[in-house]
Amino acid sequence: MNVSQSAAGAAARGPGRAPADQVAVRRANLVRVLGEVRSAGPLSRATVARHTGLTRATVSSLVTELIERGLLRETDFQQDGTVGRPGRRLEIDGRAVAALGLEINSRYLAAWSTDLAGRTLSERRVVHDATREGAERTIRALAAIAAELLGEARAAGVHTAGIGVAVPGPVDAADGSVRAAPNLGWRDVPVARLLRELLGLADEVAVVVDNEANLAALAERGHAGSRAADLVYVTGETGIGAGIVADGGLLRGAGGFSGELGHLQVDPAGERCACGRIGCLETKVGLTAAIRTAAPDLAADGAAGAVTRDPQELAGELLRRAAEGDPRALGGLDEIGRWLGIGLAIPVNLLNPEVIVLGGYFATVAPYLLPAAMRELRERAVAGDPAVSRVTGSALGFTAAVRGAAGVIVEEVFADPARA
């Protein structure tokens, strides 16, 4: 290309385009280097250069910036197999950058703060009846917990890059509003805006709101040893929902409202659900139904009596009774398992996932649910046994959603290191 052609190209780009392109290229290269160390580290700079195809000088400049941002650190020396003196190894640091996850549940509020290397910084969990307290008081209570954790991070010299919020029910992810949460009685609640105002957050601090099952599915898939490309996570609390990972990505649907497994009808002659419909899966296998069926004495005022207790505590009591051979607990959990198998047949026949992960109380009492669930599932799998998914209890238990909420912020930082 001659000089005139080069000048013509520059004119076509317009003033200021080349510097903008350079910034975009450098940002992309920061992501490449950070991602390489994250996935294959610890690595020397020379090894990073070989793996990425970037020059050593470029890698050195990028690494210097990532170290200054607190995202990488150098450790001991490593011989990379080439002639010359060994280089220092690079590994993810992230101690100076945090992500905060929050969760609103009908019976509790939770918070979990992590640094970029996955180390837990702080966590909280308080019993809270969000249905009775309403949206405004609940979000104020959540903001108070968040403010406490943000303050702890600041005192330790840690920058919080953003806040993820897990909520039950369909969410408009674009503006962070809860569109409808039947078990909370909420509709069109601007969770992201209210939290941002209450906490006085700067514009560069992201607030991301998503459905609890979606976030739990992402957390479960990202957990060590669980990398299924096609996975369905099923919540097991007062509400029943599903987070769907298809071909490695979250399946949201056209409007972002996928996964409402708990509100599909399984019994036309059944009870009325909180959503107003009859015979939803949630009325058969939700935690309130489980208490009523397997341990009715825990519900002092019928089904509503269980609302004031922490789901984790109730799940532990169900497990204790079943392990001790309590006939009512064993029979009730077997019945719950049967209905659960009917419900699981729906995603199995529609989506053919590799694995189904059971969360919440399902994970706690899985040994007493799965035999009946798998029998029912095998009978209902249209393609027979080859189509039956592996079904397992969650490795993260009741913390999956709040960890997933923080994890979304972590991934945003790795996708754009300038956020740090």
Protein backbone atom coordinates (compact mmCIF):
# COMPACT_ATOMS: atom_id res chain seq x y z
CA MET A 1 0.00 0.00 0.00
CA ASN A 2 1.48 3.40 -0.98
CA VAL A 3 1.51 6.56 1.11
CA SER A 4 -1.49 8.09 -0.61
CA GLN A 5 -3.57 4.96 0.00
CA SER A 6 -2.59 5.04 3.67
CA ALA A 7 -3.58 8.70 3.93
CA ALA A 8 -6.88 7.98 2.21
CA GLY A 9 -7.58 5.20 4.70
CA ALA A 10 -6.86 7.51 7.60
CA ALA A 11 -9.20 10.13 6.16
CA ALA A 12 -11.95 7.55 5.75
CA ARG A 13 -11.63 6.60 9.40
CA GLY A 14 -12.13 10.20 10.41
CA PRO A 15 -10.47 12.20 13.16
CA GLY A 16 -9.81 10.39 16.42
CA ARG A 17 -10.56 6.90 15.06
CA ALA A 18 -7.01 5.52 15.22
CA PRO A 19 -6.49 6.28 18.94
CA ALA A 20 -9.90 4.77 19.71
CA ASP A 21 -8.91 1.65 17.79
CA GLN A 22 -5.66 1.45 19.73
CA VAL A 23 -7.51 1.68 23.02
CA ALA A 24 -9.88 -1.10 21.92
CA VAL A 25 -6.96 -3.31 20.83
CA ARG A 26 -5.13 -2.79 24.10
CA ARG A 27 -8.27 -3.55 26.10
CA ALA A 28 -8.78 -6.75 24.10
CA ASN A 29 -5.17 -7.75 24.72
CA LEU A 30 -5.53 -7.10 28.44
CA VAL A 31 -8.46 -9.50 28.43
CA ARG A 32 -6.40 -12.10 26.48
CA VAL A 33 -3.48 -11.99 28.87
CA LEU A 34 -5.67 -12.01 31.98
CA GLY A 35 -7.76 -14.86 30.61
CA GLU A 36 -4.69 -16.92 29.77
CA VAL A 37 -3.31 -16.63 33.27
CA ARG A 38 -6.73 -17.29 34.75
CA SER A 39 -7.31 -20.47 32.76
CA ALA A 40 -3.80 -21.95 32.60
CA GLY A 41 -1.74 -20.13 35.24
CA PRO A 42 0.57 -19.69 36.98
CA LEU A 43 2.58 -18.82 33.85
CA SER A 44 5.71 -16.89 32.99
CA ARG A 45 5.51 -13.83 30.74
CA ALA A 46 7.32 -15.77 28.01
CA THR A 47 4.74 -18.56 28.19
CA VAL A 48 1.89 -16.04 28.02
CA ALA A 49 3.51 -14.52 24.92
CA ARG A 50 3.74 -17.93 23.25
CA HIS A 51 0.16 -18.88 24.09
CA THR A 52 -1.35 -15.56 22.98
CA GLY A 53 0.86 -14.86 19.98
CA LEU A 54 1.71 -11.41 21.36
CA THR A 55 5.27 -10.10 21.49
CA ARG A 56 7.17 -10.29 24.75
CA ALA A 57 7.38 -6.52 24.90
CA THR A 58 3.61 -6.21 24.48
CA VAL A 59 2.96 -8.86 27.12
CA SER A 60 5.36 -7.13 29.51
CA SER A 61 3.51 -3.82 29.11
CA LEU A 62 0.11 -5.46 29.56
CA VAL A 63 1.25 -7.44 32.59
CA THR A 64 2.61 -4.28 34.20
CA GLU A 65 -0.80 -2.62 33.83
CA LEU A 66 -2.65 -5.66 35.17
CA ILE A 67 -0.34 -5.77 38.19
CA GLU A 68 -0.94 -2.07 38.81
CA ARG A 69 -4.69 -2.70 38.67
CA GLY A 70 -4.31 -5.44 41.29
CA LEU A 71 -5.43 -8.21 38.94
CA LEU A 72 -2.15 -10.12 38.56
CA ARG A 73 0.85 -10.70 40.78
CA GLU A 74 4.27 -12.25 40.28
CA THR A 75 5.32 -15.18 42.43
CA ASP A 76 8.30 -17.53 42.34
CA PHE A 77 10.61 -18.17 39.37
CA GLN A 78 9.72 -20.73 36.69
CA GLN A 79 11.86 -22.19 33.93
CA ASP A 80 9.67 -22.20 30.80
CA GLY A 81 11.77 -24.71 28.81
CA THR A 82 13.71 -22.16 26.77
CA VAL A 83 17.35 -21.13 27.05
CA GLY A 84 17.94 -18.31 29.50
CA ARG A 85 17.20 -17.48 33.04
CA PRO A 86 13.82 -18.45 34.47
CA GLY A 87 11.02 -15.86 34.64
CA ARG A 88 8.69 -15.05 37.46
CA ARG A 89 5.34 -16.78 37.32
CA LEU A 90 2.14 -14.79 37.04
CA GLU A 91 -1.07 -15.69 38.83
CA ILE A 92 -4.43 -14.06 39.48
CA ASP A 93 -4.26 -11.69 42.40
CA GLY A 94 -7.53 -9.79 42.73
CA ARG A 95 -7.13 -9.12 46.44
CA ALA A 96 -7.78 -5.42 45.91
CA VAL A 97 -10.98 -5.90 43.88
CA ALA A 98 -14.23 -7.34 45.25
CA ALA A 99 -17.63 -8.35 43.95
CA LEU A 100 -20.70 -8.29 46.18
CA GLY A 101 -23.59 -10.71 45.76
CA LEU A 102 -26.99 -10.15 47.40
CA GLU A 103 -30.07 -12.37 47.55
CA ILE A 104 -33.70 -11.62 48.32
CA ASN A 105 -35.62 -14.72 49.37
CA SER A 106 -39.14 -14.86 50.73
CA ARG A 107 -37.71 -15.96 54.09
CA TYR A 108 -34.21 -14.51 54.29
CA LEU A 109 -31.72 -11.98 52.96
CA ALA A 110 -28.16 -13.00 52.14
CA ALA A 111 -24.91 -11.33 51.11
CA TRP A 112 -21.57 -12.75 49.98
CA SER A 113 -18.47 -10.80 49.06
CA THR A 114 -15.55 -12.32 47.17
CA ASP A 115 -12.30 -11.12 45.66
CA LEU A 116 -11.43 -11.89 42.05
CA ALA A 117 -9.48 -15.00 43.01
CA GLY A 118 -12.60 -16.53 44.57
CA ARG A 119 -11.67 -15.98 48.20
CA THR A 120 -14.60 -15.24 50.51
CA LEU A 121 -14.27 -11.82 52.12
CA SER A 122 -17.54 -11.52 54.06
CA GLU A 123 -20.95 -13.15 54.24
CA ARG A 124 -24.25 -12.49 55.96
CA ARG A 125 -27.58 -14.27 56.22
CA VAL A 126 -30.57 -12.95 58.18
CA VAL A 127 -34.11 -14.24 58.56
CA HIS A 128 -36.50 -11.81 56.88
CA ASP A 129 -40.11 -12.24 55.75
CA ALA A 130 -40.04 -10.29 52.48
CA THR A 131 -43.68 -11.10 51.77
CA ARG A 132 -44.89 -9.49 54.98
CA GLU A 133 -42.38 -6.62 55.00
CA GLY A 134 -43.01 -5.57 51.41
CA ALA A 135 -40.67 -4.32 48.72
CA GLU A 136 -39.56 -0.99 50.17
CA ARG A 137 -38.70 -2.22 53.66
CA THR A 138 -37.06 -5.35 52.29
CA ILE A 139 -34.80 -3.42 49.92
CA ARG A 140 -33.90 -1.01 52.72
CA ALA A 141 -32.93 -3.99 54.90
CA LEU A 142 -30.89 -5.44 52.05
CA ALA A 143 -29.19 -2.09 51.47
CA ALA A 144 -28.21 -1.94 55.15
CA ILE A 145 -26.49 -5.33 54.86
CA ALA A 146 -24.79 -4.27 51.63
CA ALA A 147 -23.58 -1.01 53.19
CA GLU A 148 -21.99 -2.96 56.02
CA LEU A 149 -20.06 -5.24 53.63
CA LEU A 150 -19.08 -2.35 51.36
CA GLY A 151 -17.75 -0.50 54.40
CA GLU A 152 -15.71 -3.53 55.48
CA ALA A 153 -14.19 -3.76 52.01
CA ARG A 154 -13.29 -0.05 51.95
CA ALA A 155 -11.69 -0.31 55.38
CA ALA A 156 -9.52 -3.15 54.07
CA GLY A 157 -8.50 -1.12 51.01
CA VAL A 158 -10.59 -3.22 48.63
CA HIS A 159 -12.52 -1.69 45.71
CA THR A 160 -15.97 -3.23 45.09
CA ALA A 161 -16.44 -3.35 41.33
CA GLY A 162 -20.18 -4.03 41.42
CA ILE A 163 -23.18 -5.65 43.06
CA GLY A 164 -25.19 -8.59 41.76
CA VAL A 165 -28.67 -9.23 43.14
CA ALA A 166 -30.58 -12.53 43.01
CA VAL A 167 -34.37 -12.34 43.27
CA PRO A 168 -37.18 -14.90 42.94
CA GLY A 169 -39.36 -14.38 39.89
CA PRO A 170 -39.00 -12.94 36.37
CA VAL A 171 -36.63 -9.98 36.04
CA ASP A 172 -36.20 -7.33 33.38
CA ALA A 173 -32.41 -7.59 33.24
CA ALA A 174 -32.11 -4.40 31.17
CA ASP A 175 -33.26 -2.11 33.99
CA GLY A 176 -32.94 -4.42 37.00
CA SER A 177 -36.66 -4.53 37.84
CA VAL A 178 -38.62 -7.46 39.26
CA ARG A 179 -41.57 -7.87 36.93
CA ALA A 180 -43.53 -10.39 38.99
CA ALA A 181 -42.61 -12.36 42.10
CA PRO A 182 -45.68 -14.33 43.23
CA ASN A 183 -44.15 -15.60 46.46
CA LEU A 184 -43.21 -12.05 47.46
CA GLY A 185 -46.34 -10.36 46.16
CA TRP A 186 -44.12 -7.93 44.23
CA ARG A 187 -44.75 -6.49 40.78
CA ASP A 188 -42.67 -3.97 38.80
CA VAL A 189 -40.22 -3.19 41.61
CA PRO A 190 -37.10 -1.25 40.42
CA VAL A 191 -34.62 -3.13 42.61
CA ALA A 192 -31.45 -1.85 40.90
CA ARG A 193 -32.49 1.80 41.01
CA LEU A 194 -33.60 1.65 44.64
CA LEU A 195 -30.39 -0.03 45.79
CA ARG A 196 -28.24 2.43 43.86
CA GLU A 197 -30.05 5.37 45.47
CA LEU A 198 -29.99 3.94 48.99
CA LEU A 199 -26.29 3.10 48.80
CA GLY A 200 -25.27 6.26 46.94
CA LEU A 201 -23.27 4.24 44.42
CA ALA A 202 -21.08 5.89 41.81
CA ASP A 203 -22.07 5.35 38.19
CA GLU A 204 -19.09 3.08 37.50
CA VAL A 205 -20.25 0.60 40.17
CA ALA A 206 -22.50 -1.85 38.35
CA VAL A 207 -25.75 -3.15 39.85
CA VAL A 208 -26.97 -6.29 38.09
CA VAL A 209 -30.30 -7.93 39.01
CA ASP A 210 -31.29 -11.39 37.78
CA ASN A 211 -33.48 -14.34 38.63
CA GLU A 212 -32.14 -16.47 41.48
CA ALA A 213 -32.30 -19.71 39.46
CA ASN A 214 -30.35 -18.17 36.58
CA LEU A 215 -27.59 -16.98 38.90
CA ALA A 216 -27.51 -20.27 40.79
CA ALA A 217 -27.18 -22.16 37.50
CA LEU A 218 -24.17 -20.03 36.54
CA ALA A 219 -22.59 -20.55 39.94
CA GLU A 220 -23.13 -24.29 39.82
CA ARG A 221 -21.68 -24.57 36.34
CA GLY A 222 -18.67 -22.50 37.31
CA HIS A 223 -18.04 -24.54 40.46
CA ALA A 224 -14.92 -26.70 40.40
CA GLY A 225 -15.52 -29.92 38.44
CA SER A 226 -18.93 -28.91 37.05
CA ARG A 227 -18.60 -27.67 33.45
CA ALA A 228 -21.58 -29.24 31.72
CA ALA A 229 -22.49 -27.37 28.53
CA ASP A 230 -26.19 -28.20 29.01
CA LEU A 231 -27.43 -27.92 32.58
CA VAL A 232 -30.69 -27.18 34.36
CA TYR A 233 -30.61 -25.90 37.94
CA VAL A 234 -33.86 -26.34 39.90
CA THR A 235 -34.39 -24.24 43.00
CA GLY A 236 -35.86 -25.94 46.03
CA GLU A 237 -37.27 -23.33 48.36
CA THR A 238 -40.71 -21.79 48.84
CA GLY A 239 -40.67 -21.10 45.12
CA ILE A 240 -39.58 -23.49 42.40
CA GLY A 241 -37.76 -22.18 39.35
CA ALA A 242 -35.20 -23.34 36.81
CA GLY A 243 -32.01 -21.79 35.51
CA ILE A 244 -31.14 -23.19 32.09
CA VAL A 245 -27.63 -23.35 30.64
CA ALA A 246 -27.68 -24.40 26.97
CA ASP A 247 -24.50 -24.89 24.94
CA GLY A 248 -22.52 -23.17 27.68
CA GLY A 249 -24.66 -20.02 27.90
CA LEU A 250 -27.65 -18.94 29.94
CA LEU A 251 -30.95 -19.47 28.11
CA ARG A 252 -33.16 -16.50 28.95
CA GLY A 253 -35.84 -16.61 26.26
CA ALA A 254 -37.04 -13.74 24.08
CA GLY A 255 -38.11 -11.53 27.00
CA GLY A 256 -35.74 -12.91 29.62
CA PHE A 257 -38.48 -14.75 31.48
CA SER A 258 -37.58 -18.40 30.92
CA GLY A 259 -37.38 -21.06 33.62
CA GLU A 260 -40.72 -20.77 35.41
CA LEU A 261 -40.86 -24.51 35.98
CA GLY A 262 -42.66 -24.17 39.31
CA HIS A 263 -45.71 -22.61 37.68
CA LEU A 264 -46.38 -25.35 35.14
CA GLN A 265 -49.51 -27.33 35.97
CA VAL A 266 -48.97 -30.94 37.04
CA ASP A 267 -52.27 -31.58 38.84
CA PRO A 268 -55.47 -30.04 37.36
CA ALA A 269 -57.33 -31.04 40.54
CA GLY A 270 -54.66 -29.65 42.85
CA GLU A 271 -54.40 -26.63 45.11
CA ARG A 272 -54.28 -22.98 44.16
CA CYS A 273 -50.77 -21.61 43.79
CA ALA A 274 -49.45 -18.22 44.89
CA CYS A 275 -49.47 -17.25 41.20
CA GLY A 276 -53.26 -17.76 41.13
CA ARG A 277 -53.27 -20.92 39.00
CA ILE A 278 -54.31 -24.43 40.03
CA GLY A 279 -52.04 -27.43 40.56
CA CYS A 280 -48.64 -25.87 39.82
CA LEU A 281 -45.54 -27.96 40.49
CA GLU A 282 -44.68 -25.52 43.27
CA THR A 283 -47.77 -26.58 45.23
CA LYS A 284 -46.49 -30.16 45.20
CA VAL A 285 -42.74 -29.82 45.84
CA GLY A 286 -42.10 -26.32 47.22
CA LEU A 287 -40.71 -26.19 50.75
CA THR A 288 -44.09 -25.26 52.22
CA ALA A 289 -45.61 -28.36 50.59
CA ALA A 290 -42.72 -30.48 51.84
CA ILE A 291 -43.21 -29.34 55.44
CA ARG A 292 -46.94 -29.94 55.21
CA THR A 293 -46.39 -33.43 53.79
CA ALA A 294 -43.31 -34.69 55.64
CA ALA A 295 -43.26 -32.71 58.92
CA PRO A 296 -46.62 -30.98 59.49
CA ASP A 297 -45.83 -30.22 63.14
CA LEU A 298 -43.20 -27.70 61.97
CA ALA A 299 -45.99 -25.55 60.54
CA ALA A 300 -47.57 -24.17 63.70
CA ASP A 301 -50.40 -22.47 61.84
CA GLY A 302 -50.67 -24.89 58.96
CA ALA A 303 -48.60 -24.20 55.85
CA ALA A 304 -48.13 -20.55 56.75
CA GLY A 305 -46.39 -21.37 60.01
CA ALA A 306 -43.24 -22.45 58.21
CA VAL A 307 -42.81 -19.05 56.57
CA THR A 308 -41.14 -17.52 59.61
CA ARG A 309 -38.33 -20.10 59.74
CA ASP A 310 -35.11 -20.21 57.76
CA PRO A 311 -35.35 -22.72 54.86
CA GLN A 312 -31.87 -24.04 55.66
CA GLU A 313 -32.98 -24.83 59.21
CA LEU A 314 -36.13 -26.56 57.98
CA ALA A 315 -34.16 -28.59 55.43
CA GLY A 316 -31.79 -29.73 58.17
CA GLU A 317 -34.70 -30.83 60.31
CA LEU A 318 -36.22 -32.80 57.43
CA LEU A 319 -32.89 -34.54 56.89
CA ARG A 320 -32.53 -35.37 60.57
CA ARG A 321 -35.97 -36.95 60.75
CA ALA A 322 -35.47 -38.95 57.59
CA ALA A 323 -32.05 -40.17 58.74
CA GLU A 324 -33.61 -41.31 62.03
CA GLY A 325 -36.22 -43.31 60.12
CA ASP A 326 -39.26 -41.15 60.93
CA PRO A 327 -42.08 -42.82 58.93
CA ARG A 328 -43.91 -39.54 58.24
CA ALA A 329 -40.72 -37.87 56.98
CA LEU A 330 -39.73 -40.84 54.82
CA GLY A 331 -43.18 -41.26 53.32
CA GLY A 332 -43.58 -37.53 52.73
CA LEU A 333 -40.20 -37.16 51.02
CA ASP A 334 -40.95 -40.17 48.82
CA GLU A 335 -44.19 -38.49 47.74
CA ILE A 336 -42.37 -35.20 47.12
CA GLY A 337 -39.80 -37.12 45.09
CA ARG A 338 -42.52 -38.61 42.91
CA TRP A 339 -43.94 -35.19 42.03
CA LEU A 340 -40.43 -33.86 41.54
CA GLY A 341 -39.78 -36.60 38.97
CA ILE A 342 -42.96 -35.58 37.13
CA GLY A 343 -41.70 -32.00 37.06
CA LEU A 344 -38.17 -32.91 35.97
CA ALA A 345 -39.53 -34.86 33.02
CA ILE A 346 -40.55 -31.53 31.47
CA PRO A 347 -37.02 -30.10 30.97
CA VAL A 348 -35.67 -33.56 30.18
CA ASN A 349 -38.10 -34.02 27.29
CA LEU A 350 -37.87 -30.41 26.11
CA LEU A 351 -34.16 -29.68 26.53
CA ASN A 352 -32.34 -33.00 27.01
CA PRO A 353 -29.80 -31.50 29.47
CA GLU A 354 -26.64 -33.34 30.43
CA VAL A 355 -27.23 -32.75 34.13
CA ILE A 356 -29.98 -31.46 36.40
CA VAL A 357 -28.78 -29.87 39.64
CA LEU A 358 -31.18 -29.75 42.57
CA GLY A 359 -30.77 -26.73 44.84
CA GLY A 360 -32.17 -25.52 48.15
CA TYR A 361 -33.78 -28.12 50.38
CA PHE A 362 -33.78 -30.60 47.48
CA ALA A 363 -29.98 -30.82 47.80
CA THR A 364 -30.14 -31.37 51.57
CA VAL A 365 -32.56 -34.30 51.41
CA ALA A 366 -31.57 -35.57 47.94
CA PRO A 367 -30.89 -39.16 49.11
CA TYR A 368 -34.53 -39.45 50.18
CA LEU A 369 -36.00 -37.72 47.11
CA LEU A 370 -33.99 -39.13 44.24
CA PRO A 371 -35.11 -42.80 44.22
CA ALA A 372 -38.78 -41.89 43.66
CA ALA A 373 -37.87 -38.96 41.39
CA MET A 374 -35.70 -41.10 39.13
CA ARG A 375 -38.32 -43.84 38.89
CA GLU A 376 -40.92 -41.32 37.76
CA LEU A 377 -38.49 -39.57 35.43
CA ARG A 378 -37.49 -42.79 33.68
CA GLU A 379 -41.13 -43.68 33.09
CA ARG A 380 -41.81 -40.28 31.53
CA ALA A 381 -38.68 -39.80 29.42
CA VAL A 382 -40.03 -40.10 25.86
CA ALA A 383 -36.70 -41.24 24.40
CA GLY A 384 -36.13 -43.76 27.19
CA ASP A 385 -33.08 -44.22 29.40
CA PRO A 386 -30.57 -42.66 26.96
CA ALA A 387 -32.38 -39.34 27.39
CA VAL A 388 -32.52 -39.42 31.19
CA SER A 389 -30.26 -36.74 32.61
CA ARG A 390 -27.87 -37.19 35.48
CA VAL A 391 -29.56 -35.67 38.55
CA THR A 392 -27.48 -34.46 41.46
CA GLY A 393 -27.72 -32.25 44.52
CA SER A 394 -26.15 -28.80 44.44
CA ALA A 395 -22.57 -28.53 45.64
CA LEU A 396 -23.26 -24.97 46.84
CA GLY A 397 -26.54 -25.55 48.66
CA PHE A 398 -28.42 -22.47 49.81
CA THR A 399 -25.51 -20.20 48.82
CA ALA A 400 -25.68 -20.90 45.07
CA ALA A 401 -27.77 -17.86 44.09
CA VAL A 402 -25.83 -15.28 46.13
CA ARG A 403 -22.52 -16.71 44.87
CA GLY A 404 -23.83 -16.56 41.33
CA ALA A 405 -24.80 -12.93 41.86
CA ALA A 406 -21.25 -12.05 42.89
CA GLY A 407 -19.89 -14.22 40.09
CA VAL A 408 -21.62 -12.10 37.44
CA ILE A 409 -19.64 -9.07 38.64
CA VAL A 410 -16.40 -11.07 38.68
CA GLU A 411 -16.95 -12.08 35.06
CA GLU A 412 -17.63 -8.47 34.09
CA VAL A 413 -14.27 -7.43 35.49
CA PHE A 414 -12.43 -10.22 33.66
CA ALA A 415 -14.22 -9.15 30.47
CA ASP A 416 -13.11 -5.54 30.98
CA PRO A 417 -10.07 -5.16 33.29
CA ALA A 418 -10.48 -1.37 33.14
CA ARG A 419 -13.36 -1.89 35.59
CA ALA A 420 -10.68 -2.55 38.24
